[in-house]
Amino acid sequence: MKLHKHFILAVILLLLTGGTLTACSDDESQSSSDHSTSVTSSSESVAKKTPSVHHKRLHSSTSHKSNQQHSAILNKLVKYTNAESAGPTGDYYWTNGKAHFTDFSGLKSGDYRFTADSQGRSGTARAVLTYSEYTASRGSRQGEPLEPPAWPGNKIVAISYGLTGRTYHGYLYNKSHSIGDSLLGAKSYTSEYNFTTGTRPQNVGADQNGGMRAAEESAENYWESYPNTHHVIYYQTTPLYKGDETMPRGSIVDVRSSDKTLNKEIVVINSAEGIRLNYATGSNNARTYVRQPQHHTTQATHHTTQAAGSTTKDGSWTVAASGMVFVSDSHKYYSEVKNPNNYQYESQSQANASGATEASRGNQYARP
């Protein structure tokens, strides 16, 4: 009788143990499946609250791998920035293979997330971009850039570019979007953490198509190639800082369309050729550039003086008179600018004769 009781008890214990193991196995499977999907569901939320051991291991492994990659890229960025270099392309960026993403959970079409790091600096910015946002943001700026954390102030300098042989005269630093106006529109101005202190070439490169613009243009070119598409673009920018420095040495921009036609990682360099930057304070050894008066014949000077007086104001914008334009140091011209002293004001025919061309993307991309 005792033997019989012991046997029954053993069977019950075995069944209970087997049931527990089966439940554990099902939980692991569910957690792993939810981790791989891009849509937040109620079951995913539960799995996140009570992750299995397998899920923890997977998350830890992914984070560790990402940290290793970022560390290797940061080492390269420190090398380039210490050398006051424009990097391997000469245009303040390089392409680094396919995109790698982290923590897009809960984000759906049109959503975005800006974060600060543990030191209050601008951290990773993420967005699920749509074609409708892109079309809505074209034609005019959707806001005013916000000062990023530890904004150091600014001054007008000269930066000579090895890639183009030209010299830029203007503000050294830009309030640089992590996810730009042309992609996210008004949403891109909702947080200071979507901005970092970036040099002018970090923002647009040596030829207006490098730096952060190279990443933005890759997304814009996708939208132009697939108008009205229902596909989205996953866009993630991660500023990389050395130690406690307040200015990033550069950023990693990951861009991938949901059909994977577009899939790349771009590394942007935050430096300026010939200028030593202090990334802890923003101080630098660049001399303040003073624009020299233009020398023309008496007739040309009279014409320019008359024309200069004919500009009008529209809010914060200065509008050129009919037939007149503002020419930038990169030989692009605009009809409206915010800081006219940073441009040469002349007739459109003079601008064309000197080799300048109309800015293809409109007045809203005329930078200070």
Protein backbone atom coordinates (compact mmCIF):
# COMPACT_ATOMS: atom_id res chain seq x y z
CA MET A 1 0.00 0.00 0.00
CA LYS A 2 2.82 2.36 0.90
CA LEU A 3 4.59 1.43 -2.32
CA HIS A 4 1.43 2.16 -4.27
CA LYS A 5 1.08 5.59 -2.62
CA HIS A 6 4.70 6.41 -3.36
CA PHE A 7 4.23 5.42 -7.00
CA ILE A 8 1.14 7.64 -7.39
CA LEU A 9 2.96 10.56 -5.74
CA ALA A 10 5.94 10.11 -8.08
CA VAL A 11 3.68 10.16 -11.15
CA ILE A 12 1.95 13.33 -9.94
CA LEU A 13 5.29 15.05 -9.34
CA LEU A 14 6.54 14.00 -12.77
CA LEU A 15 3.44 15.37 -14.46
CA LEU A 16 3.70 18.64 -12.55
CA THR A 17 7.37 19.00 -13.47
CA GLY A 18 6.71 18.23 -17.12
CA GLY A 19 3.90 20.81 -17.23
CA THR A 20 6.15 23.48 -15.79
CA LEU A 21 8.91 22.77 -18.30
CA THR A 22 6.46 22.87 -21.18
CA ALA A 23 5.10 26.24 -20.06
CA CYS A 24 8.65 27.60 -19.81
CA SER A 25 9.43 26.41 -23.31
CA ASP A 26 6.28 28.03 -24.73
CA ASP A 27 7.18 31.32 -23.01
CA GLU A 28 10.63 31.29 -24.58
CA SER A 29 9.17 30.71 -28.03
CA GLN A 30 6.64 33.52 -27.63
CA SER A 31 9.23 35.93 -26.33
CA SER A 32 11.64 35.22 -29.16
CA SER A 33 8.93 35.60 -31.78
CA ASP A 34 7.72 38.91 -30.35
CA HIS A 35 11.27 40.24 -30.21
CA SER A 36 11.62 39.85 -33.98
CA THR A 37 8.41 41.62 -34.98
CA SER A 38 8.24 45.37 -35.63
CA VAL A 39 4.64 45.74 -34.50
CA THR A 40 3.91 46.24 -30.82
CA SER A 41 1.19 43.89 -29.66
CA SER A 42 -0.33 43.12 -26.29
CA SER A 43 1.47 39.78 -26.18
CA GLU A 44 4.76 41.54 -26.86
CA SER A 45 4.14 43.93 -23.99
CA VAL A 46 3.61 41.00 -21.64
CA ALA A 47 6.75 39.30 -22.88
CA LYS A 48 8.71 42.47 -22.20
CA LYS A 49 7.41 42.72 -18.65
CA THR A 50 8.36 39.12 -17.86
CA PRO A 51 11.19 38.25 -20.26
CA SER A 52 12.46 34.69 -20.38
CA VAL A 53 16.09 33.83 -19.78
CA HIS A 54 16.47 33.25 -23.52
CA HIS A 55 15.10 36.73 -24.27
CA LYS A 56 17.47 38.35 -21.79
CA ARG A 57 20.40 36.55 -23.34
CA LEU A 58 19.41 37.64 -26.83
CA HIS A 59 18.99 41.29 -25.78
CA SER A 60 22.30 41.27 -23.92
CA SER A 61 24.12 39.78 -26.90
CA THR A 62 22.64 42.35 -29.29
CA SER A 63 23.52 45.27 -27.01
CA HIS A 64 27.05 43.96 -26.49
CA LYS A 65 27.60 43.60 -30.25
CA SER A 66 26.22 47.10 -30.88
CA ASN A 67 28.47 48.59 -28.19
CA GLN A 68 31.50 46.90 -29.74
CA GLN A 69 30.66 48.28 -33.19
CA HIS A 70 30.09 51.78 -31.82
CA SER A 71 33.38 51.65 -29.93
CA ALA A 72 35.28 50.71 -33.10
CA ILE A 73 33.60 53.49 -35.08
CA LEU A 74 34.27 56.03 -32.31
CA ASN A 75 37.96 55.15 -32.41
CA LYS A 76 38.01 55.99 -36.13
CA LEU A 77 36.10 59.22 -35.55
CA VAL A 78 38.55 60.31 -32.84
CA LYS A 79 41.42 59.63 -35.24
CA TYR A 80 39.85 61.72 -38.01
CA THR A 81 38.72 64.58 -35.76
CA ASN A 82 42.08 64.83 -33.98
CA ALA A 83 43.66 65.13 -37.42
CA GLU A 84 41.13 67.85 -38.43
CA SER A 85 40.24 65.59 -41.32
CA ALA A 86 37.29 65.31 -43.70
CA GLY A 87 37.66 61.53 -43.65
CA PRO A 88 38.20 58.91 -46.36
CA THR A 89 35.76 60.47 -48.85
CA GLY A 90 36.84 64.07 -48.24
CA ASP A 91 33.16 64.89 -47.70
CA TYR A 92 32.84 64.31 -43.94
CA TYR A 93 31.17 60.90 -44.11
CA TRP A 94 31.67 57.33 -45.21
CA THR A 95 29.31 54.41 -45.90
CA ASN A 96 29.69 51.55 -43.46
CA GLY A 97 27.69 48.65 -44.90
CA LYS A 98 24.10 47.78 -44.02
CA ALA A 99 21.95 49.42 -41.36
CA HIS A 100 21.80 48.20 -37.75
CA PHE A 101 18.90 49.18 -35.51
CA THR A 102 18.15 49.11 -31.79
CA ASP A 103 14.95 49.60 -29.77
CA PHE A 104 12.34 50.47 -32.39
CA SER A 105 9.74 48.68 -30.28
CA GLY A 106 6.44 50.53 -30.04
CA LEU A 107 7.18 52.82 -33.00
CA LYS A 108 4.81 52.66 -35.95
CA SER A 109 4.43 54.69 -39.16
CA GLY A 110 4.90 58.39 -38.43
CA ASP A 111 6.21 57.84 -34.90
CA TYR A 112 9.50 59.22 -33.60
CA ARG A 113 11.56 59.11 -30.41
CA PHE A 114 14.32 61.49 -29.28
CA THR A 115 16.40 60.58 -26.26
CA ALA A 116 19.05 62.00 -23.94
CA ASP A 117 21.95 59.93 -22.70
CA SER A 118 22.90 59.49 -19.04
CA GLN A 119 24.85 62.79 -19.11
CA GLY A 120 22.01 64.86 -20.55
CA ARG A 121 23.51 64.99 -24.03
CA SER A 122 21.49 64.32 -27.18
CA GLY A 123 21.24 60.56 -27.59
CA THR A 124 19.82 58.27 -30.26
CA ALA A 125 16.99 59.68 -32.40
CA ARG A 126 14.60 57.25 -34.10
CA ALA A 127 11.72 57.65 -36.53
CA VAL A 128 9.54 55.58 -38.84
CA LEU A 129 9.31 57.95 -41.79
CA THR A 130 6.48 58.10 -44.34
CA TYR A 131 6.23 59.49 -47.84
CA SER A 132 3.44 61.86 -46.80
CA GLU A 133 5.72 63.47 -44.18
CA TYR A 134 8.36 63.99 -46.84
CA THR A 135 5.95 65.70 -49.24
CA ALA A 136 4.48 67.84 -46.45
CA SER A 137 7.92 69.16 -45.45
CA ARG A 138 8.91 70.32 -48.93
CA GLY A 139 8.60 73.98 -49.87
CA SER A 140 9.44 75.69 -46.59
CA ARG A 141 11.12 75.14 -43.26
CA GLN A 142 8.78 73.71 -40.64
CA GLY A 143 10.42 75.35 -37.60
CA GLU A 144 13.51 76.98 -36.11
CA PRO A 145 16.49 74.88 -34.98
CA LEU A 146 16.73 74.45 -31.21
CA GLU A 147 19.92 74.87 -29.21
CA PRO A 148 21.29 71.43 -28.40
CA PRO A 149 22.54 70.69 -24.87
CA ALA A 150 25.76 72.63 -24.11
CA TRP A 151 25.48 74.84 -27.20
CA PRO A 152 28.83 76.70 -27.25
CA GLY A 153 27.90 79.83 -29.18
CA ASN A 154 29.20 80.67 -32.63
CA LYS A 155 31.44 82.77 -34.83
CA ILE A 156 31.99 83.31 -38.54
CA VAL A 157 35.08 81.53 -39.85
CA ALA A 158 36.74 80.41 -43.07
CA ILE A 159 36.94 76.67 -43.84
CA SER A 160 38.89 75.53 -46.91
CA TYR A 161 37.77 72.24 -48.42
CA GLY A 162 40.29 69.90 -50.00
CA LEU A 163 37.54 68.08 -51.93
CA THR A 164 36.26 71.12 -53.83
CA GLY A 165 39.14 73.58 -53.53
CA ARG A 166 36.66 76.18 -52.30
CA THR A 167 36.53 78.13 -49.06
CA TYR A 168 33.39 78.48 -46.99
CA HIS A 169 32.84 81.69 -45.05
CA GLY A 170 30.12 81.50 -42.44
CA TYR A 171 29.19 80.14 -39.04
CA LEU A 172 31.47 77.39 -37.75
CA TYR A 173 28.70 75.55 -35.91
CA ASN A 174 25.22 74.54 -36.97
CA LYS A 175 22.38 73.36 -34.74
CA SER A 176 22.44 70.08 -36.58
CA HIS A 177 19.33 67.89 -36.88
CA SER A 178 19.75 64.22 -36.07
CA ILE A 179 16.61 63.62 -38.16
CA GLY A 180 16.14 66.48 -40.58
CA ASP A 181 13.33 68.83 -41.46
CA SER A 182 13.10 67.46 -44.99
CA LEU A 183 12.27 64.01 -43.60
CA LEU A 184 10.28 64.62 -40.43
CA GLY A 185 8.95 68.16 -40.91
CA ALA A 186 7.61 70.00 -37.86
CA LYS A 187 8.16 66.93 -35.66
CA SER A 188 11.91 67.43 -36.04
CA TYR A 189 11.70 70.60 -33.92
CA THR A 190 9.90 69.12 -30.91
CA SER A 191 12.99 68.37 -28.81
CA GLU A 192 16.47 69.78 -28.21
CA TYR A 193 17.64 66.16 -28.18
CA ASN A 194 17.11 66.00 -31.94
CA PHE A 195 19.96 68.50 -32.30
CA THR A 196 23.71 68.35 -31.74
CA THR A 197 26.47 70.92 -32.10
CA GLY A 198 27.87 70.11 -35.52
CA THR A 199 30.36 71.94 -37.68
CA ARG A 200 29.11 73.38 -40.95
CA PRO A 201 30.79 70.58 -42.96
CA GLN A 202 29.39 67.98 -40.53
CA ASN A 203 25.96 69.25 -41.53
CA VAL A 204 26.33 69.49 -45.32
CA GLY A 205 29.82 68.25 -46.18
CA ALA A 206 32.32 70.00 -48.40
CA ASP A 207 30.00 70.06 -51.43
CA GLN A 208 26.54 70.51 -49.83
CA ASN A 209 25.86 66.79 -50.39
CA GLY A 210 28.06 65.26 -47.69
CA GLY A 211 27.97 65.01 -43.91
CA MET A 212 24.45 64.58 -42.55
CA ARG A 213 23.03 65.62 -45.93
CA ALA A 214 24.38 62.42 -47.47
CA ALA A 215 22.17 60.36 -45.15
CA GLU A 216 19.14 62.62 -45.62
CA GLU A 217 19.52 62.53 -49.40
CA SER A 218 19.60 58.74 -49.41
CA ALA A 219 16.11 58.76 -47.87
CA GLU A 220 14.92 61.61 -50.11
CA ASN A 221 16.15 59.79 -53.21
CA TYR A 222 14.20 56.70 -52.15
CA TRP A 223 10.98 58.75 -51.85
CA GLU A 224 11.62 60.33 -55.26
CA SER A 225 12.13 56.88 -56.79
CA TYR A 226 8.99 55.44 -55.20
CA PRO A 227 6.40 58.25 -54.99
CA ASN A 228 3.24 57.53 -52.99
CA THR A 229 4.70 54.27 -51.70
CA HIS A 230 3.12 52.63 -48.65
CA HIS A 231 6.57 51.51 -47.52
CA VAL A 232 8.25 53.32 -44.63
CA ILE A 233 11.86 54.21 -43.84
CA TYR A 234 13.41 53.31 -40.50
CA TYR A 235 15.84 56.10 -39.63
CA GLN A 236 18.16 56.13 -36.63
CA THR A 237 20.91 58.60 -35.71
CA THR A 238 23.31 57.90 -32.86
CA PRO A 239 25.76 60.66 -31.84
CA LEU A 240 29.07 59.27 -30.55
CA TYR A 241 30.93 61.07 -27.76
CA LYS A 242 34.40 60.51 -26.38
CA GLY A 243 34.21 60.29 -22.58
CA ASP A 244 32.50 63.30 -21.01
CA GLU A 245 32.81 65.58 -24.04
CA THR A 246 29.70 67.62 -24.83
CA MET A 247 30.13 67.67 -28.62
CA PRO A 248 29.94 64.38 -30.53
CA ARG A 249 32.92 63.31 -32.61
CA GLY A 250 30.38 62.23 -35.21
CA SER A 251 27.20 60.24 -35.68
CA ILE A 252 26.07 56.89 -37.02
CA VAL A 253 23.02 57.17 -39.27
CA ASP A 254 21.17 53.93 -40.09
CA VAL A 255 18.63 54.10 -42.92
CA ARG A 256 16.50 51.23 -44.23
CA SER A 257 13.26 51.10 -46.20
CA SER A 258 10.71 48.45 -45.26
CA ASP A 259 11.18 46.82 -48.68
CA LYS A 260 14.97 46.87 -48.04
CA THR A 261 15.64 48.57 -51.37
CA LEU A 262 17.43 51.19 -49.27
CA ASN A 263 19.67 49.69 -46.59
CA LYS A 264 22.81 51.47 -45.45
CA GLU A 265 24.74 52.80 -42.49
CA ILE A 266 26.48 56.17 -42.88
CA VAL A 267 29.09 57.49 -40.45
CA VAL A 268 29.32 61.30 -40.27
CA ILE A 269 32.45 63.12 -39.09
CA ASN A 270 32.12 66.23 -36.90
CA SER A 271 35.24 68.17 -37.75
CA ALA A 272 36.48 71.07 -39.87
CA GLU A 273 39.60 71.01 -42.00
CA GLY A 274 42.37 73.13 -40.53
CA ILE A 275 40.49 73.95 -37.32
CA ARG A 276 41.31 72.47 -33.92
CA LEU A 277 38.13 71.89 -31.93
CA ASN A 278 37.78 71.33 -28.20
CA TYR A 279 34.95 68.79 -28.00
CA ALA A 280 34.47 69.37 -24.27
CA THR A 281 33.77 73.11 -24.55
CA GLY A 282 33.30 73.92 -28.23
CA SER A 283 36.21 76.36 -28.18
CA ASN A 284 38.49 76.36 -31.23
CA ASN A 285 41.52 78.01 -32.80
CA ALA A 286 39.73 79.41 -35.86
CA ARG A 287 40.10 83.12 -36.48
CA THR A 288 36.91 85.11 -36.75
CA TYR A 289 36.43 85.91 -40.41
CA VAL A 290 35.63 89.50 -41.34
CA ARG A 291 34.04 89.81 -44.76
CA GLN A 292 36.03 92.20 -46.92
CA PRO A 293 34.19 94.89 -48.91
CA GLN A 294 33.78 94.03 -52.58
CA HIS A 295 35.74 96.13 -55.09
CA HIS A 296 33.85 97.05 -58.25
CA THR A 297 33.99 99.77 -60.84
CA THR A 298 32.17 103.00 -59.98
CA GLN A 299 29.22 101.95 -62.13
CA ALA A 300 29.03 98.46 -60.61
CA THR A 301 29.36 99.83 -57.08
CA HIS A 302 26.51 102.26 -57.72
CA HIS A 303 24.37 99.43 -59.08
CA THR A 304 25.12 97.17 -56.11
CA THR A 305 24.38 99.94 -53.60
CA GLN A 306 21.05 100.63 -55.22
CA ALA A 307 20.21 96.93 -55.37
CA ALA A 308 21.24 96.33 -51.77
CA GLY A 309 18.81 98.99 -50.65
CA SER A 310 15.98 97.30 -52.51
CA THR A 311 15.81 94.16 -50.38
CA THR A 312 12.70 93.69 -48.27
CA LYS A 313 11.99 91.90 -45.03
CA ASP A 314 9.51 89.06 -44.56
CA GLY A 315 9.66 88.12 -40.90
CA SER A 316 13.19 86.88 -40.25
CA TRP A 317 13.89 86.46 -43.97
CA THR A 318 15.57 89.06 -46.23
CA VAL A 319 14.06 88.97 -49.73
CA ALA A 320 16.02 89.90 -52.84
CA ALA A 321 14.66 92.40 -55.34
CA SER A 322 13.44 91.20 -58.71
CA GLY A 323 16.39 89.98 -60.79
CA MET A 324 18.70 89.90 -57.76
CA VAL A 325 19.97 86.92 -55.76
CA PHE A 326 22.07 86.04 -52.72
CA VAL A 327 25.12 83.98 -53.71
CA SER A 328 26.73 81.64 -51.17
CA ASP A 329 30.41 80.74 -50.97
CA SER A 330 29.51 77.35 -52.42
CA HIS A 331 28.25 79.19 -55.55
CA LYS A 332 24.56 78.51 -54.96
CA TYR A 333 22.11 81.38 -55.06
CA TYR A 334 18.84 82.08 -53.28
CA SER A 335 16.08 84.67 -53.39
CA GLU A 336 15.57 84.66 -49.61
CA VAL A 337 18.08 84.29 -46.77
CA LYS A 338 18.21 84.91 -43.04
CA ASN A 339 21.71 86.37 -42.78
CA PRO A 340 22.34 88.46 -45.92
CA ASN A 341 25.81 89.50 -44.73
CA ASN A 342 26.94 85.92 -45.29
CA TYR A 343 26.13 86.13 -49.02
CA GLN A 344 27.15 88.18 -52.04
CA TYR A 345 24.17 90.19 -53.28
CA GLU A 346 24.21 90.58 -57.05
CA SER A 347 22.10 90.25 -60.15
CA GLN A 348 21.09 86.78 -61.27
CA SER A 349 22.84 87.36 -64.61
CA GLN A 350 26.08 88.21 -62.77
CA ALA A 351 25.71 85.10 -60.64
CA ASN A 352 25.18 82.89 -63.69
CA ALA A 353 28.13 84.50 -65.48
CA SER A 354 30.41 83.72 -62.53
CA GLY A 355 29.39 80.06 -62.59
CA ALA A 356 26.92 80.11 -59.68
CA THR A 357 23.79 77.99 -60.00
CA GLU A 358 20.34 78.20 -58.46
CA ALA A 359 19.96 76.14 -55.28
CA SER A 360 17.93 73.17 -56.43
CA ARG A 361 16.25 72.53 -53.09
CA GLY A 362 14.81 75.97 -52.44
CA ASN A 363 15.25 78.89 -50.09
CA GLN A 364 14.54 76.87 -46.96
CA TYR A 365 17.93 75.23 -47.32
CA ALA A 366 19.80 78.54 -47.27
CA ARG A 367 21.77 78.18 -44.08
CA PRO A 368 23.11 80.95 -41.83
